[in-house]
C-alpha cells in the first residue's frame, strides 16, 4: 500500500511543480500570463510589500506559519524514512549455540522455503518473501494450488514441513507467516 501512496504523492507533487515552474519560466521569458496566474507579467514579484506585511501584526500568524512548516518537515522526514526503510532483511541471524551468531542470506532462506513448498502435494508453484528484522523475520508465502486440492491439507503440510524446517534450521524461536492460497488458472481446453 505504501508503494502506491508513494507513487501517487510523487506524481501529484511532480505535476504541481512542473506546472508552476513551467509557468514561472514561460512568464519570465516573456510569454503572456495565463488567465489563472496570480500575477500580471514578467516584472511582477511573487509577494509584494502589502502581501508580505499583511498579517505581520496578528498574534496568530507567525506561530501558525511555523507550525505548518514544522508539520511539513516532519511529514517529509517520515515519508523519506518510509521510502528508505528496507522491507526485506538482507540476512537472518542464526544462533549457533556457542554464544555466537552466524548470518544466513535472506534470499537463500526464501529460495529454500519456496523450493520445499513447491514440492508439496497439490502445489504448482510457491513464492516466499521475508520481511521483518534480522533477529525476528516474518514470512509471506504465496502458494499456487492445482485444481481440486484441499487448501486445509496443503496449509497443514506447509506448516508441518517447510516452515518447521526453516524455523529449526535457522534457530528461530518463531517464524510468523502469512500464507495466501490461489488456484492456478489454466486456459480452457477444447474437447472434441
C-alpha atoms as a PDB file:
ATOM      1  CA  UNK A   1       0.000   0.000   0.000  1.00  0.00           C
ATOM      2  CA  UNK A   2       2.824   2.382   0.840  1.00  0.00           C
ATOM      3  CA  UNK A   3       4.290   1.940  -2.630  1.00  0.00           C
ATOM      4  CA  UNK A   4       1.001   3.023  -4.223  1.00  0.00           C
ATOM      5  CA  UNK A   5       0.635   6.032  -1.910  1.00  0.00           C
ATOM      6  CA  UNK A   6       4.246   6.957  -2.590  1.00  0.00           C
ATOM      7  CA  UNK A   7       3.726   6.898  -6.352  1.00  0.00           C
ATOM      8  CA  UNK A   8       0.511   8.921  -6.186  1.00  0.00           C
ATOM      9  CA  UNK A   9       2.060  11.572  -3.910  1.00  0.00           C
ATOM     10  CA  UNK A  10       5.198  11.817  -6.030  1.00  0.00           C
ATOM     11  CA  UNK A  11       3.060  12.144  -9.156  1.00  0.00           C
ATOM     12  CA  UNK A  12       0.919  14.916  -7.670  1.00  0.00           C
ATOM     13  CA  UNK A  13       3.899  16.845  -6.271  1.00  0.00           C
ATOM     14  CA  UNK A  14       5.783  16.451  -9.546  1.00  0.00           C
ATOM     15  CA  UNK A  15       2.826  17.615 -11.616  1.00  0.00           C
ATOM     16  CA  UNK A  16       2.275  20.694  -9.426  1.00  0.00           C
ATOM     17  CA  UNK A  17       5.975  21.592  -9.547  1.00  0.00           C
ATOM     18  CA  UNK A  18       6.172  21.158 -13.322  1.00  0.00           C
ATOM     19  CA  UNK A  19       3.057  23.289 -13.930  1.00  0.00           C
ATOM     20  CA  UNK A  20       4.113  26.069 -11.561  1.00  0.00           C
ATOM     21  CA  UNK A  21       7.774  26.001 -12.577  1.00  0.00           C
ATOM     22  CA  UNK A  22       6.932  25.918 -16.270  1.00  0.00           C
ATOM     23  CA  UNK A  23       4.513  28.815 -15.860  1.00  0.00           C
ATOM     24  CA  UNK A  24       7.062  30.921 -13.982  1.00  0.00           C
ATOM     25  CA  UNK A  25       9.719  30.157 -16.603  1.00  0.00           C
ATOM     26  CA  UNK A  26       7.412  30.921 -19.508  1.00  0.00           C
ATOM     27  CA  UNK A  27       6.244  34.218 -17.990  1.00  0.00           C
ATOM     28  CA  UNK A  28       9.821  35.146 -17.108  1.00  0.00           C
ATOM     29  CA  UNK A  29      10.826  34.603 -20.734  1.00  0.00           C
ATOM     30  CA  UNK A  30       8.074  36.933 -21.916  1.00  0.00           C
ATOM     31  CA  UNK A  31       5.102  34.686 -22.613  1.00  0.00           C
ATOM     32  CA  UNK A  32       1.723  36.163 -21.755  1.00  0.00           C
ATOM     33  CA  UNK A  33       0.436  35.237 -18.314  1.00  0.00           C
ATOM     34  CA  UNK A  34      -2.443  32.733 -18.338  1.00  0.00           C
ATOM     35  CA  UNK A  35      -5.804  33.872 -17.012  1.00  0.00           C
ATOM     36  CA  UNK A  36      -5.475  31.739 -13.852  1.00  0.00           C
ATOM     37  CA  UNK A  37      -1.995  33.099 -12.988  1.00  0.00           C
ATOM     38  CA  UNK A  38      -1.699  35.123  -9.788  1.00  0.00           C
ATOM     39  CA  UNK A  39       0.394  37.913 -11.275  1.00  0.00           C
ATOM     40  CA  UNK A  40       0.191  40.155 -14.310  1.00  0.00           C
ATOM     41  CA  UNK A  41       3.509  39.982 -16.084  1.00  0.00           C
ATOM     42  CA  UNK A  42       7.178  39.294 -16.180  1.00  0.00           C
ATOM     43  CA  UNK A  43       8.219  42.144 -13.840  1.00  0.00           C
ATOM     44  CA  UNK A  44       5.615  41.365 -11.195  1.00  0.00           C
ATOM     45  CA  UNK A  45       7.041  39.974  -7.940  1.00  0.00           C
ATOM     46  CA  UNK A  46       5.727  36.864  -6.264  1.00  0.00           C
ATOM     47  CA  UNK A  47       4.909  38.613  -2.977  1.00  0.00           C
ATOM     48  CA  UNK A  48       4.706  42.407  -2.976  1.00  0.00           C
ATOM     49  CA  UNK A  49       5.125  44.600   0.108  1.00  0.00           C
ATOM     50  CA  UNK A  50       1.424  44.578   1.021  1.00  0.00           C
ATOM     51  CA  UNK A  51       1.149  40.788   0.775  1.00  0.00           C
ATOM     52  CA  UNK A  52       4.302  40.241   2.837  1.00  0.00           C
ATOM     53  CA  UNK A  53       3.268  42.542   5.690  1.00  0.00           C
ATOM     54  CA  UNK A  54      -0.466  41.896   5.670  1.00  0.00           C
ATOM     55  CA  UNK A  55      -0.607  39.520   8.671  1.00  0.00           C
ATOM     56  CA  UNK A  56       2.557  40.605  10.475  1.00  0.00           C
ATOM     57  CA  UNK A  57       0.732  42.367  13.324  1.00  0.00           C
ATOM     58  CA  UNK A  58      -1.611  39.437  14.014  1.00  0.00           C
ATOM     59  CA  UNK A  59      -0.539  37.367  17.018  1.00  0.00           C
ATOM     60  CA  UNK A  60      -1.538  34.042  15.489  1.00  0.00           C
ATOM     61  CA  UNK A  61       0.261  34.474  12.157  1.00  0.00           C
ATOM     62  CA  UNK A  62       3.868  33.504  12.911  1.00  0.00           C
ATOM     63  CA  UNK A  63       3.015  30.566  15.214  1.00  0.00           C
ATOM     64  CA  UNK A  64       0.654  29.238  12.525  1.00  0.00           C
ATOM     65  CA  UNK A  65       3.316  29.581   9.808  1.00  0.00           C
ATOM     66  CA  UNK A  66       5.932  27.862  11.978  1.00  0.00           C
ATOM     67  CA  UNK A  67       3.510  25.072  12.932  1.00  0.00           C
ATOM     68  CA  UNK A  68       2.555  24.393   9.304  1.00  0.00           C
ATOM     69  CA  UNK A  69       6.189  24.378   8.207  1.00  0.00           C
ATOM     70  CA  UNK A  70       7.162  22.087  11.098  1.00  0.00           C
ATOM     71  CA  UNK A  71       4.382  19.648  10.168  1.00  0.00           C
ATOM     72  CA  UNK A  72       5.513  19.709   6.532  1.00  0.00           C
ATOM     73  CA  UNK A  73       9.111  18.980   7.570  1.00  0.00           C
ATOM     74  CA  UNK A  74       8.038  16.114   9.854  1.00  0.00           C
ATOM     75  CA  UNK A  75       5.811  14.605   7.158  1.00  0.00           C
ATOM     76  CA  UNK A  76       8.622  14.882   4.623  1.00  0.00           C
ATOM     77  CA  UNK A  77      11.067  13.164   7.000  1.00  0.00           C
ATOM     78  CA  UNK A  78       8.536  10.406   7.738  1.00  0.00           C
ATOM     79  CA  UNK A  79       7.993   9.896   4.020  1.00  0.00           C
ATOM     80  CA  UNK A  80      11.742   9.764   3.355  1.00  0.00           C
ATOM     81  CA  UNK A  81      12.294   7.222   6.129  1.00  0.00           C
ATOM     82  CA  UNK A  82       9.382   5.098   4.890  1.00  0.00           C
ATOM     83  CA  UNK A  83      10.851   5.047   1.391  1.00  0.00           C
ATOM     84  CA  UNK A  84      14.405   4.293   2.533  1.00  0.00           C
ATOM     85  CA  UNK A  85      13.487   1.631   5.086  1.00  0.00           C
ATOM     86  CA  UNK A  86      14.227  -1.860   3.888  1.00  0.00           C
ATOM     87  CA  UNK A  87      11.263  -4.167   3.641  1.00  0.00           C
ATOM     88  CA  UNK A  88      13.322  -7.321   3.329  1.00  0.00           C
ATOM     89  CA  UNK A  89      16.101  -8.413   5.640  1.00  0.00           C
ATOM     90  CA  UNK A  90      19.334  -8.965   3.722  1.00  0.00           C
ATOM     91  CA  UNK A  91      20.339 -11.593   6.258  1.00  0.00           C
ATOM     92  CA  UNK A  92      18.884 -13.581   9.124  1.00  0.00           C
ATOM     93  CA  UNK A  93      20.936 -14.063  12.285  1.00  0.00           C
ATOM     94  CA  UNK A  94      21.224 -17.724  13.236  1.00  0.00           C
ATOM     95  CA  UNK A  95      22.031 -18.779  16.804  1.00  0.00           C
ATOM     96  CA  UNK A  96      24.847 -21.350  16.522  1.00  0.00           C
ATOM     97  CA  UNK A  97      24.600 -22.414  20.165  1.00  0.00           C
ATOM     98  CA  UNK A  98      28.127 -21.328  21.123  1.00  0.00           C
ATOM     99  CA  UNK A  99      27.232 -17.742  22.150  1.00  0.00           C
ATOM    100  CA  UNK A 100      27.961 -16.526  18.646  1.00  0.00           C
ATOM    101  CA  UNK A 101      25.733 -15.711  15.709  1.00  0.00           C
ATOM    102  CA  UNK A 102      26.058 -16.687  12.094  1.00  0.00           C
ATOM    103  CA  UNK A 103      24.318 -14.925   9.261  1.00  0.00           C
ATOM    104  CA  UNK A 104      22.155 -16.592   6.652  1.00  0.00           C
ATOM    105  CA  UNK A 105      21.300 -14.733   3.472  1.00  0.00           C
ATOM    106  CA  UNK A 106      17.627 -13.830   3.444  1.00  0.00           C
ATOM    107  CA  UNK A 107      17.250 -14.758  -0.224  1.00  0.00           C
ATOM    108  CA  UNK A 108      18.769 -18.183   0.441  1.00  0.00           C
ATOM    109  CA  UNK A 109      16.162 -18.856   3.117  1.00  0.00           C
ATOM    110  CA  UNK A 110      13.421 -17.599   0.775  1.00  0.00           C
ATOM    111  CA  UNK A 111      14.607 -19.882  -2.022  1.00  0.00           C
ATOM    112  CA  UNK A 112      14.888 -22.913   0.269  1.00  0.00           C
ATOM    113  CA  UNK A 113      11.389 -22.340   1.639  1.00  0.00           C
ATOM    114  CA  UNK A 114       9.921 -21.824  -1.837  1.00  0.00           C
ATOM    115  CA  UNK A 115      11.684 -24.901  -3.216  1.00  0.00           C
ATOM    116  CA  UNK A 116      10.460 -27.168  -0.426  1.00  0.00           C
ATOM    117  CA  UNK A 117       6.946 -25.715  -0.505  1.00  0.00           C
ATOM    118  CA  UNK A 118       6.668 -26.206  -4.276  1.00  0.00           C
ATOM    119  CA  UNK A 119       7.201 -29.970  -3.766  1.00  0.00           C
ATOM    120  CA  UNK A 120       4.144 -30.314  -1.513  1.00  0.00           C
ATOM    121  CA  UNK A 121       1.212 -32.311  -2.852  1.00  0.00           C
ATOM    122  CA  UNK A 122      -1.120 -30.123  -4.882  1.00  0.00           C
ATOM    123  CA  UNK A 123       1.202 -27.093  -5.057  1.00  0.00           C
ATOM    124  CA  UNK A 124       2.012 -25.906  -8.558  1.00  0.00           C
ATOM    125  CA  UNK A 125       4.341 -23.051  -7.565  1.00  0.00           C
ATOM    126  CA  UNK A 126       5.407 -21.294  -4.387  1.00  0.00           C
ATOM    127  CA  UNK A 127       6.731 -17.764  -3.797  1.00  0.00           C
ATOM    128  CA  UNK A 128       8.267 -16.689  -0.477  1.00  0.00           C
ATOM    129  CA  UNK A 129       9.176 -13.207   0.745  1.00  0.00           C
ATOM    130  CA  UNK A 130      10.890 -12.487   4.065  1.00  0.00           C
ATOM    131  CA  UNK A 131      10.063  -9.288   5.908  1.00  0.00           C
ATOM    132  CA  UNK A 132      10.774  -8.011   9.395  1.00  0.00           C
ATOM    133  CA  UNK A 133      14.110  -7.706  11.178  1.00  0.00           C
ATOM    134  CA  UNK A 134      17.269  -9.825  11.133  1.00  0.00           C
ATOM    135  CA  UNK A 135      16.546 -11.385  14.524  1.00  0.00           C
ATOM    136  CA  UNK A 136      12.780 -11.677  14.020  1.00  0.00           C
ATOM    137  CA  UNK A 137      11.968 -12.386  10.372  1.00  0.00           C
ATOM    138  CA  UNK A 138       8.451 -12.909   9.104  1.00  0.00           C
ATOM    139  CA  UNK A 139       7.492 -14.864   6.010  1.00  0.00           C
ATOM    140  CA  UNK A 140       4.896 -14.204   3.320  1.00  0.00           C
ATOM    141  CA  UNK A 141       4.094 -17.306   1.316  1.00  0.00           C
ATOM    142  CA  UNK A 142       2.025 -17.483  -1.850  1.00  0.00           C
ATOM    143  CA  UNK A 143       1.028 -20.977  -2.925  1.00  0.00           C
ATOM    144  CA  UNK A 144      -0.482 -21.560  -6.360  1.00  0.00           C
ATOM    145  CA  UNK A 145      -2.622 -24.669  -5.974  1.00  0.00           C
ATOM    146  CA  UNK A 146      -3.634 -27.172  -8.593  1.00  0.00           C
ATOM    147  CA  UNK A 147      -7.371 -27.666  -9.160  1.00  0.00           C
ATOM    148  CA  UNK A 148      -9.292 -29.902  -6.747  1.00  0.00           C
ATOM    149  CA  UNK A 149      -6.756 -29.630  -3.907  1.00  0.00           C
ATOM    150  CA  UNK A 150      -7.884 -29.268  -0.308  1.00  0.00           C
ATOM    151  CA  UNK A 151      -6.408 -25.936   0.908  1.00  0.00           C
ATOM    152  CA  UNK A 152      -6.555 -27.004   4.573  1.00  0.00           C
ATOM    153  CA  UNK A 153      -4.445 -30.093   3.945  1.00  0.00           C
ATOM    154  CA  UNK A 154      -1.926 -28.075   1.940  1.00  0.00           C
ATOM    155  CA  UNK A 155      -1.712 -25.438   4.661  1.00  0.00           C
ATOM    156  CA  UNK A 156      -1.109 -28.099   7.346  1.00  0.00           C
ATOM    157  CA  UNK A 157       1.575 -29.687   5.169  1.00  0.00           C
ATOM    158  CA  UNK A 158       3.251 -26.305   4.728  1.00  0.00           C
ATOM    159  CA  UNK A 159       3.186 -25.625   8.468  1.00  0.00           C
ATOM    160  CA  UNK A 160       4.500 -29.047   9.495  1.00  0.00           C
ATOM    161  CA  UNK A 161       7.048 -29.303   6.674  1.00  0.00           C
ATOM    162  CA  UNK A 162       8.844 -26.343   5.090  1.00  0.00           C
ATOM    163  CA  UNK A 163       8.028 -23.738   7.758  1.00  0.00           C
ATOM    164  CA  UNK A 164       9.070 -26.003  10.634  1.00  0.00           C
ATOM    165  CA  UNK A 165      12.273 -26.990   8.799  1.00  0.00           C
ATOM    166  CA  UNK A 166      13.131 -23.347   8.099  1.00  0.00           C
ATOM    167  CA  UNK A 167      12.445 -22.286  11.686  1.00  0.00           C
ATOM    168  CA  UNK A 168      14.522 -25.152  13.147  1.00  0.00           C
ATOM    169  CA  UNK A 169      17.429 -24.818  10.711  1.00  0.00           C
ATOM    170  CA  UNK A 170      17.697 -21.061  11.320  1.00  0.00           C
ATOM    171  CA  UNK A 171      17.360 -21.499  15.084  1.00  0.00           C
ATOM    172  CA  UNK A 172      14.400 -19.142  15.256  1.00  0.00           C
ATOM    173  CA  UNK A 173      12.004 -19.393  18.192  1.00  0.00           C
ATOM    174  CA  UNK A 174       9.116 -18.423  15.877  1.00  0.00           C
ATOM    175  CA  UNK A 175       8.602 -17.694  12.220  1.00  0.00           C
ATOM    176  CA  UNK A 176       5.303 -15.804  11.853  1.00  0.00           C
ATOM    177  CA  UNK A 177       3.906 -16.491   8.416  1.00  0.00           C
ATOM    178  CA  UNK A 178       1.163 -15.021   6.260  1.00  0.00           C
ATOM    179  CA  UNK A 179       0.072 -17.548   3.671  1.00  0.00           C
ATOM    180  CA  UNK A 180      -2.046 -16.836   0.610  1.00  0.00           C
ATOM    181  CA  UNK A 181      -3.515 -19.655  -1.393  1.00  0.00           C
ATOM    182  CA  UNK A 182      -4.583 -19.216  -5.010  1.00  0.00           C
ATOM    183  CA  UNK A 183      -5.803 -21.639  -7.593  1.00  0.00           C
ATOM    184  CA  UNK A 184      -3.814 -21.936 -10.789  1.00  0.00           C
ATOM    185  CA  UNK A 185      -5.820 -20.761 -13.769  1.00  0.00           C
ATOM    186  CA  UNK A 186      -5.313 -22.914 -16.813  1.00  0.00           C
ATOM    187  CA  UNK A 187      -6.504 -21.891 -20.250  1.00  0.00           C
ATOM    188  CA  UNK A 188      -9.651 -23.657 -21.345  1.00  0.00           C
ATOM    189  CA  UNK A 189      -9.156 -26.752 -23.461  1.00  0.00           C
ATOM    190  CA  UNK A 190     -11.298 -27.820 -26.382  1.00  0.00           C
ATOM    191  CA  UNK A 191     -12.977 -31.132 -26.114  1.00  0.00           C
ATOM    192  CA  UNK A 192     -13.666 -32.847 -29.426  1.00  0.00           C
END
